[in-house]
Amino acid sequence: MARKVVDEPSEDIVATARAERTARRSPFARIALFVRQVIAELKKVVTPTRRELFGFTAVVLVFVVIMMAIVGVLDFAFSALVVFVFGDPSVAA
């Protein structure tokens, strides 16, 4: 069974947008239309619960720590490889 997608614009918004597009509006009317459409979209936003917010934050922090570890290991490996290939620059002849 197919689920109805919530993000699809409703028919009345599409019809209104088409009517507004065909009618030539002043710059102030276009700004007002834009603000009305922004408010309509913001009403669709669902804020996460506190539990979800902590969960999302934990996922991001764990991901950042893992990526830092990967970059740190790669940095150490490449620096060791460069020292092996080109020698230690601190040991001057």
Protein backbone atom coordinates (compact mmCIF):
# COMPACT_ATOMS: atom_id res chain seq x y z
CA MET A 1 0.00 0.00 0.00
CA ALA A 2 1.45 3.35 -1.02
CA ARG A 3 1.92 6.09 1.51
CA LYS A 4 0.87 9.63 0.77
CA VAL A 5 3.91 11.89 0.67
CA VAL A 6 3.49 14.80 3.06
CA ASP A 7 5.92 17.09 1.27
CA GLU A 8 3.85 17.27 -1.90
CA PRO A 9 2.18 20.64 -2.26
CA SER A 10 -1.57 20.57 -1.97
CA GLU A 11 -3.74 21.34 -4.98
CA ASP A 12 -4.88 24.70 -3.66
CA ILE A 13 -1.29 25.90 -3.19
CA VAL A 14 -0.41 24.78 -6.72
CA ALA A 15 -3.49 26.47 -8.16
CA THR A 16 -2.78 29.65 -6.23
CA ALA A 17 0.84 29.64 -7.40
CA ARG A 18 -0.23 29.20 -11.02
CA ALA A 19 -2.77 31.99 -10.74
CA GLU A 20 -0.18 34.24 -9.12
CA ARG A 21 2.33 33.39 -11.85
CA THR A 22 -0.08 34.30 -14.63
CA ALA A 23 -1.14 37.56 -12.98
CA ARG A 24 1.49 40.28 -13.07
CA ARG A 25 2.05 41.53 -9.53
CA SER A 26 3.88 44.49 -8.10
CA PRO A 27 7.16 43.85 -6.26
CA PHE A 28 5.44 44.34 -2.90
CA ALA A 29 2.72 41.85 -3.80
CA ARG A 30 5.34 39.31 -4.84
CA ILE A 31 7.18 39.80 -1.54
CA ALA A 32 3.92 39.36 0.36
CA LEU A 33 3.18 36.17 -1.61
CA PHE A 34 6.66 34.88 -0.82
CA VAL A 35 6.19 35.58 2.90
CA ARG A 36 2.80 33.81 2.88
CA GLN A 37 4.32 30.78 1.17
CA VAL A 38 7.22 30.70 3.64
CA ILE A 39 4.80 30.78 6.56
CA ALA A 40 2.75 27.99 4.97
CA GLU A 41 5.89 25.86 4.62
CA LEU A 42 7.01 26.60 8.18
CA LYS A 43 3.68 25.31 9.47
CA LYS A 44 4.62 21.91 8.00
CA VAL A 45 7.84 21.69 10.03
CA VAL A 46 7.79 19.13 12.83
CA THR A 47 10.17 19.90 15.67
CA PRO A 48 11.90 16.90 17.24
CA THR A 49 11.19 15.86 20.78
CA ARG A 50 13.87 16.27 23.44
CA ARG A 51 14.69 12.56 23.24
CA GLU A 52 15.04 12.69 19.44
CA LEU A 53 17.17 15.82 19.68
CA PHE A 54 19.58 14.15 22.12
CA GLY A 55 19.68 11.09 19.89
CA PHE A 56 20.48 13.14 16.78
CA THR A 57 23.13 15.07 18.69
CA ALA A 58 24.75 11.86 19.93
CA VAL A 59 24.84 10.44 16.40
CA VAL A 60 26.50 13.59 15.08
CA LEU A 61 29.07 13.67 17.87
CA VAL A 62 29.95 9.99 17.44
CA PHE A 63 30.30 10.51 13.68
CA VAL A 64 32.58 13.51 14.21
CA VAL A 65 34.77 11.58 16.68
CA ILE A 66 35.05 8.64 14.26
CA MET A 67 35.95 10.96 11.37
CA MET A 68 38.55 12.73 13.55
CA ALA A 69 40.10 9.37 14.39
CA ILE A 70 40.22 8.34 10.73
CA VAL A 71 41.78 11.65 9.66
CA GLY A 72 44.27 11.49 12.56
CA VAL A 73 45.37 7.96 11.65
CA LEU A 74 45.69 8.87 7.97
CA ASP A 75 47.68 12.00 8.88
CA PHE A 76 50.05 9.99 11.06
CA ALA A 77 50.45 7.31 8.37
CA PHE A 78 51.15 9.79 5.57
CA SER A 79 53.58 11.78 7.70
CA ALA A 80 55.44 8.56 8.59
CA LEU A 81 55.50 7.64 4.90
CA VAL A 82 56.90 11.06 3.95
CA VAL A 83 59.58 10.83 6.63
CA PHE A 84 60.47 7.33 5.42
CA VAL A 85 60.70 8.38 1.77
CA PHE A 86 62.38 11.77 2.14
CA GLY A 87 64.17 11.36 5.47
CA ASP A 88 63.89 13.32 8.69
CA PRO A 89 64.25 17.07 8.03
CA SER A 90 65.37 17.73 11.62
CA VAL A 91 68.54 15.67 11.08
CA ALA A 92 70.58 18.12 9.02
CA ALA A 93 73.79 16.94 7.40
